[in-house]
């Protein structure tokens, strides 16, 4: 990961999410540390792709983020019984985004 790429991604994430730049480190996770999930994660990644010319076609969104929705008891029961450990298991970090910006593809997926 190039230092200048990391700085550009860091500033991009700060602007997009309204998070202070000082809070964003290479190991910062989008979901777990910054609370980015569902449609917000999708929007962030689409803007990231456009800004840094990154191909997202090999990225498996549901391995990293959950769906956008209010609380749905049936969906919660389904996830508890059948989909535990299948969604949101793999964190996406700022370093992952910077590396994707360097190579032009985000393919971090299960």
N, C-alpha and C. Protein backbone atom coordinates (compact mmCIF):
# COMPACT_ATOMS: atom_id res chain seq x y z
N UNK A 1 0.85 -1.18 0.00
CA UNK A 1 0.00 0.00 0.00
C UNK A 1 0.89 1.23 0.00
N UNK A 2 0.64 2.10 -0.95
CA UNK A 2 1.40 3.34 -1.05
C UNK A 2 0.88 4.34 -0.02
N UNK A 3 1.80 5.07 0.57
CA UNK A 3 1.44 6.05 1.60
C UNK A 3 0.48 7.10 1.05
N UNK A 4 0.73 7.60 -0.16
CA UNK A 4 -0.15 8.63 -0.72
C UNK A 4 -1.54 8.07 -1.02
N UNK A 5 -1.61 6.81 -1.39
CA UNK A 5 -2.92 6.19 -1.63
C UNK A 5 -3.68 6.06 -0.33
N UNK A 6 -3.00 5.60 0.72
CA UNK A 6 -3.64 5.49 2.02
C UNK A 6 -4.18 6.84 2.47
N UNK A 7 -3.39 7.90 2.32
CA UNK A 7 -3.83 9.23 2.74
C UNK A 7 -5.06 9.68 1.95
N UNK A 8 -5.07 9.40 0.65
CA UNK A 8 -6.22 9.79 -0.18
C UNK A 8 -7.47 9.02 0.23
N UNK A 9 -7.33 7.72 0.49
CA UNK A 9 -8.47 6.90 0.92
C UNK A 9 -8.94 7.35 2.29
N UNK A 10 -8.02 7.62 3.16
CA UNK A 10 -8.34 8.09 4.51
C UNK A 10 -9.16 9.38 4.46
N UNK A 11 -8.73 10.33 3.64
CA UNK A 11 -9.45 11.60 3.50
C UNK A 11 -10.82 11.39 2.85
N UNK A 12 -10.89 10.48 1.87
CA UNK A 12 -12.16 10.17 1.23
C UNK A 12 -13.16 9.62 2.25
N UNK A 13 -12.74 8.64 3.04
CA UNK A 13 -13.62 8.04 4.04
C UNK A 13 -14.04 9.09 5.07
N UNK A 14 -13.12 9.93 5.48
CA UNK A 14 -13.43 11.00 6.43
C UNK A 14 -14.51 11.92 5.88
N UNK A 15 -14.37 12.32 4.62
CA UNK A 15 -15.36 13.20 3.98
C UNK A 15 -16.71 12.51 3.83
N UNK A 16 -16.70 11.28 3.37
CA UNK A 16 -17.94 10.55 3.12
C UNK A 16 -18.74 10.28 4.39
N UNK A 17 -18.03 9.96 5.46
CA UNK A 17 -18.70 9.54 6.69
C UNK A 17 -18.76 10.63 7.76
N UNK A 18 -18.04 11.73 7.56
CA UNK A 18 -18.01 12.77 8.57
C UNK A 18 -17.25 12.35 9.82
N UNK A 19 -16.24 11.53 9.62
CA UNK A 19 -15.42 11.01 10.73
C UNK A 19 -14.09 11.76 10.71
N UNK A 20 -13.59 12.17 11.86
CA UNK A 20 -12.29 12.86 11.88
C UNK A 20 -11.19 11.98 11.28
N UNK A 21 -10.32 12.59 10.48
CA UNK A 21 -9.22 11.87 9.84
C UNK A 21 -8.36 11.16 10.88
N UNK A 22 -8.16 11.76 12.03
CA UNK A 22 -7.32 11.16 13.06
C UNK A 22 -7.86 9.82 13.56
N UNK A 23 -9.15 9.60 13.39
CA UNK A 23 -9.76 8.35 13.85
C UNK A 23 -9.57 7.20 12.86
N UNK A 24 -9.12 7.52 11.66
CA UNK A 24 -9.02 6.52 10.59
C UNK A 24 -7.58 6.04 10.45
N UNK A 25 -7.39 4.78 10.72
CA UNK A 25 -6.08 4.14 10.65
C UNK A 25 -6.15 2.98 9.66
N UNK A 26 -5.03 2.41 9.25
CA UNK A 26 -5.09 1.29 8.30
C UNK A 26 -5.97 0.14 8.78
N UNK A 27 -5.95 -0.15 10.06
CA UNK A 27 -6.70 -1.29 10.60
C UNK A 27 -8.17 -0.96 10.93
N UNK A 28 -8.59 0.27 10.73
CA UNK A 28 -9.97 0.67 11.00
C UNK A 28 -10.91 -0.13 10.10
N UNK A 29 -11.92 -0.75 10.71
CA UNK A 29 -12.89 -1.58 9.98
C UNK A 29 -14.15 -0.76 9.70
N UNK A 30 -14.64 -0.87 8.46
CA UNK A 30 -15.81 -0.08 8.09
C UNK A 30 -17.03 -0.41 8.94
N UNK A 31 -17.36 -1.68 9.08
CA UNK A 31 -18.55 -2.07 9.83
C UNK A 31 -18.32 -1.96 11.33
N UNK A 32 -17.33 -2.62 11.83
CA UNK A 32 -17.15 -2.77 13.27
C UNK A 32 -16.68 -1.50 13.98
N UNK A 33 -15.86 -0.71 13.31
CA UNK A 33 -15.33 0.50 13.95
C UNK A 33 -16.06 1.78 13.56
N UNK A 34 -16.53 1.82 12.30
CA UNK A 34 -17.18 3.04 11.81
C UNK A 34 -18.69 2.90 11.67
N UNK A 35 -19.22 1.69 11.86
CA UNK A 35 -20.65 1.47 11.83
C UNK A 35 -21.28 1.53 10.45
N UNK A 36 -20.50 1.34 9.40
CA UNK A 36 -21.01 1.40 8.03
C UNK A 36 -21.57 0.03 7.66
N UNK A 37 -22.86 -0.01 7.28
CA UNK A 37 -23.52 -1.28 6.97
C UNK A 37 -24.63 -1.03 5.97
N UNK A 38 -25.17 -2.08 5.39
CA UNK A 38 -26.33 -2.00 4.51
C UNK A 38 -26.15 -1.05 3.35
N UNK A 39 -27.18 -0.26 3.07
CA UNK A 39 -27.15 0.68 1.95
C UNK A 39 -26.03 1.70 2.10
N UNK A 40 -25.72 2.08 3.33
CA UNK A 40 -24.64 3.05 3.54
C UNK A 40 -23.30 2.47 3.07
N UNK A 41 -23.07 1.19 3.34
CA UNK A 41 -21.85 0.54 2.87
C UNK A 41 -21.85 0.46 1.35
N UNK A 42 -22.99 0.12 0.77
CA UNK A 42 -23.09 0.05 -0.68
C UNK A 42 -22.81 1.39 -1.33
N UNK A 43 -23.38 2.45 -0.78
CA UNK A 43 -23.13 3.80 -1.30
C UNK A 43 -21.66 4.18 -1.17
N UNK A 44 -21.09 3.92 -0.01
CA UNK A 44 -19.68 4.24 0.21
C UNK A 44 -18.80 3.53 -0.81
N UNK A 45 -19.04 2.24 -1.02
CA UNK A 45 -18.22 1.48 -1.96
C UNK A 45 -18.43 1.94 -3.40
N UNK A 46 -19.64 2.33 -3.76
CA UNK A 46 -19.88 2.85 -5.11
C UNK A 46 -19.13 4.16 -5.32
N UNK A 47 -19.17 5.04 -4.34
CA UNK A 47 -18.45 6.31 -4.43
C UNK A 47 -16.94 6.06 -4.46
N UNK A 48 -16.49 5.11 -3.64
CA UNK A 48 -15.07 4.72 -3.61
C UNK A 48 -14.64 4.22 -4.99
N UNK A 49 -15.46 3.35 -5.56
CA UNK A 49 -15.16 2.78 -6.88
C UNK A 49 -15.03 3.87 -7.94
N UNK A 50 -15.94 4.82 -7.92
CA UNK A 50 -15.92 5.91 -8.89
C UNK A 50 -14.71 6.82 -8.68
N UNK A 51 -14.43 7.14 -7.44
CA UNK A 51 -13.33 8.08 -7.14
C UNK A 51 -11.97 7.47 -7.47
N UNK A 52 -11.78 6.18 -7.13
CA UNK A 52 -10.46 5.56 -7.27
C UNK A 52 -10.38 4.57 -8.45
N UNK A 53 -11.43 4.51 -9.26
CA UNK A 53 -11.47 3.63 -10.43
C UNK A 53 -11.19 2.18 -10.04
N UNK A 54 -11.98 1.69 -9.08
CA UNK A 54 -11.82 0.33 -8.56
C UNK A 54 -12.98 -0.54 -9.02
N UNK A 55 -12.65 -1.70 -9.56
CA UNK A 55 -13.63 -2.69 -10.00
C UNK A 55 -14.16 -3.44 -8.78
N UNK A 56 -15.47 -3.45 -8.61
CA UNK A 56 -16.10 -4.14 -7.48
C UNK A 56 -16.79 -5.45 -7.89
N UNK A 57 -16.65 -5.86 -9.13
CA UNK A 57 -17.42 -7.00 -9.62
C UNK A 57 -17.10 -8.32 -8.92
N UNK A 58 -15.91 -8.47 -8.34
CA UNK A 58 -15.55 -9.71 -7.64
C UNK A 58 -15.78 -9.62 -6.13
N UNK A 59 -16.34 -8.52 -5.68
CA UNK A 59 -16.54 -8.30 -4.24
C UNK A 59 -17.87 -8.90 -3.81
N UNK A 60 -17.86 -9.73 -2.78
CA UNK A 60 -19.07 -10.38 -2.26
C UNK A 60 -19.58 -9.57 -1.07
N UNK A 61 -20.47 -8.65 -1.35
CA UNK A 61 -20.97 -7.70 -0.36
C UNK A 61 -21.49 -8.38 0.90
N UNK A 62 -22.29 -9.43 0.76
CA UNK A 62 -22.93 -10.06 1.92
C UNK A 62 -21.95 -10.79 2.84
N UNK A 63 -20.72 -10.99 2.40
CA UNK A 63 -19.71 -11.57 3.28
C UNK A 63 -19.14 -10.54 4.25
N UNK A 64 -19.42 -9.28 3.96
CA UNK A 64 -18.82 -8.19 4.73
C UNK A 64 -19.83 -7.28 5.41
N UNK A 65 -21.02 -7.18 4.82
CA UNK A 65 -22.03 -6.26 5.32
C UNK A 65 -23.40 -6.92 5.31
N UNK A 66 -24.29 -6.42 6.14
CA UNK A 66 -25.65 -6.93 6.17
C UNK A 66 -26.55 -6.12 5.26
N UNK A 67 -27.80 -6.55 5.14
CA UNK A 67 -28.76 -5.82 4.30
C UNK A 67 -29.26 -4.58 5.02
N UNK A 68 -29.75 -3.65 4.24
CA UNK A 68 -30.39 -2.46 4.81
C UNK A 68 -31.82 -2.82 5.14
N UNK A 69 -32.23 -2.57 6.31
CA UNK A 69 -33.63 -2.82 6.66
C UNK A 69 -33.84 -2.47 8.12
N UNK A 70 -35.09 -2.27 8.45
CA UNK A 70 -35.45 -2.14 9.85
C UNK A 70 -35.43 -3.54 10.46
N UNK A 71 -35.74 -3.63 11.67
CA UNK A 71 -35.74 -4.92 12.35
C UNK A 71 -36.89 -5.77 11.84
N UNK A 72 -36.57 -6.96 11.39
CA UNK A 72 -37.58 -7.88 10.88
C UNK A 72 -37.44 -9.17 11.68
N UNK A 73 -38.43 -9.54 12.50
CA UNK A 73 -38.28 -10.71 13.36
C UNK A 73 -38.08 -12.01 12.58
N UNK A 74 -38.74 -12.16 11.44
CA UNK A 74 -38.57 -13.38 10.66
C UNK A 74 -37.15 -13.49 10.10
N UNK A 75 -36.64 -12.37 9.60
CA UNK A 75 -35.28 -12.36 9.09
C UNK A 75 -34.28 -12.64 10.22
N UNK A 76 -34.53 -12.09 11.38
CA UNK A 76 -33.65 -12.33 12.52
C UNK A 76 -33.62 -13.80 12.90
N UNK A 77 -34.78 -14.44 12.91
CA UNK A 77 -34.85 -15.87 13.23
C UNK A 77 -34.11 -16.67 12.16
N UNK A 78 -34.33 -16.33 10.88
CA UNK A 78 -33.63 -17.03 9.80
C UNK A 78 -32.12 -16.93 9.98
N UNK A 79 -31.63 -15.72 10.23
CA UNK A 79 -30.18 -15.54 10.39
C UNK A 79 -29.66 -16.32 11.58
N UNK A 80 -30.41 -16.32 12.66
CA UNK A 80 -29.98 -17.05 13.85
C UNK A 80 -29.89 -18.54 13.58
N UNK A 81 -30.88 -19.09 12.89
CA UNK A 81 -30.92 -20.54 12.66
C UNK A 81 -30.06 -21.01 11.50
N UNK A 82 -30.02 -20.26 10.42
CA UNK A 82 -29.41 -20.77 9.20
C UNK A 82 -28.21 -19.99 8.68
N UNK A 83 -28.14 -18.72 8.95
CA UNK A 83 -27.12 -17.91 8.31
C UNK A 83 -26.07 -17.38 9.27
N UNK A 84 -26.03 -17.92 10.47
CA UNK A 84 -25.02 -17.45 11.41
C UNK A 84 -23.64 -17.69 10.82
N UNK A 85 -22.80 -16.67 10.95
CA UNK A 85 -21.45 -16.79 10.47
C UNK A 85 -21.28 -16.62 8.98
N UNK A 86 -22.36 -16.40 8.25
CA UNK A 86 -22.25 -16.26 6.81
C UNK A 86 -22.20 -14.81 6.37
N UNK A 87 -22.74 -13.92 7.16
CA UNK A 87 -22.74 -12.51 6.79
C UNK A 87 -21.88 -11.74 7.77
N UNK A 88 -21.28 -10.71 7.24
CA UNK A 88 -20.57 -9.73 8.05
C UNK A 88 -19.39 -10.33 8.80
N UNK A 89 -18.93 -11.50 8.40
CA UNK A 89 -17.81 -12.13 9.09
C UNK A 89 -16.47 -11.50 8.75
N UNK A 90 -16.32 -11.05 7.55
CA UNK A 90 -15.02 -10.61 7.06
C UNK A 90 -14.97 -9.09 7.06
N UNK A 91 -14.17 -8.51 7.95
CA UNK A 91 -14.12 -7.05 7.99
C UNK A 91 -13.40 -6.47 6.77
N UNK A 92 -13.85 -5.31 6.35
CA UNK A 92 -13.17 -4.54 5.31
C UNK A 92 -12.51 -3.36 6.02
N UNK A 93 -11.20 -3.27 5.87
CA UNK A 93 -10.45 -2.21 6.54
C UNK A 93 -10.08 -1.09 5.57
N UNK A 94 -9.62 0.00 6.13
CA UNK A 94 -9.14 1.11 5.31
C UNK A 94 -7.93 0.64 4.50
N UNK A 95 -7.12 -0.21 5.08
CA UNK A 95 -5.97 -0.77 4.34
C UNK A 95 -6.45 -1.57 3.13
N UNK A 96 -7.52 -2.35 3.29
CA UNK A 96 -8.08 -3.10 2.16
C UNK A 96 -8.48 -2.14 1.04
N UNK A 97 -9.12 -1.03 1.40
CA UNK A 97 -9.54 -0.06 0.40
C UNK A 97 -8.33 0.58 -0.28
N UNK A 98 -7.31 0.92 0.48
CA UNK A 98 -6.12 1.54 -0.09
C UNK A 98 -5.41 0.57 -1.04
N UNK A 99 -5.33 -0.69 -0.65
CA UNK A 99 -4.71 -1.68 -1.53
C UNK A 99 -5.53 -1.86 -2.80
N UNK A 100 -6.85 -1.84 -2.68
CA UNK A 100 -7.72 -1.94 -3.86
C UNK A 100 -7.51 -0.73 -4.77
N UNK A 101 -7.35 0.44 -4.19
CA UNK A 101 -7.12 1.64 -4.99
C UNK A 101 -5.78 1.52 -5.73
N UNK A 102 -4.79 0.90 -5.12
CA UNK A 102 -3.50 0.70 -5.78
C UNK A 102 -3.58 -0.24 -6.97
N UNK A 103 -4.36 -1.31 -6.84
CA UNK A 103 -4.39 -2.33 -7.90
C UNK A 103 -5.63 -2.23 -8.81
N UNK A 104 -6.62 -1.42 -8.41
CA UNK A 104 -7.78 -1.20 -9.24
C UNK A 104 -8.90 -2.21 -9.13
N UNK A 105 -8.85 -3.06 -8.09
CA UNK A 105 -9.91 -4.06 -7.91
C UNK A 105 -10.05 -4.37 -6.42
N UNK A 106 -11.32 -4.47 -5.97
CA UNK A 106 -11.60 -4.90 -4.61
C UNK A 106 -12.19 -6.29 -4.72
N UNK A 107 -11.41 -7.29 -4.36
CA UNK A 107 -11.87 -8.65 -4.50
C UNK A 107 -11.79 -9.41 -3.18
N UNK A 108 -11.70 -8.69 -2.10
CA UNK A 108 -11.63 -9.27 -0.77
C UNK A 108 -12.97 -9.90 -0.46
N UNK A 109 -13.05 -11.21 -0.48
CA UNK A 109 -14.33 -11.88 -0.25
C UNK A 109 -14.11 -13.33 0.15
N UNK A 110 -15.17 -13.92 0.68
CA UNK A 110 -15.10 -15.31 1.09
C UNK A 110 -15.30 -16.23 -0.10
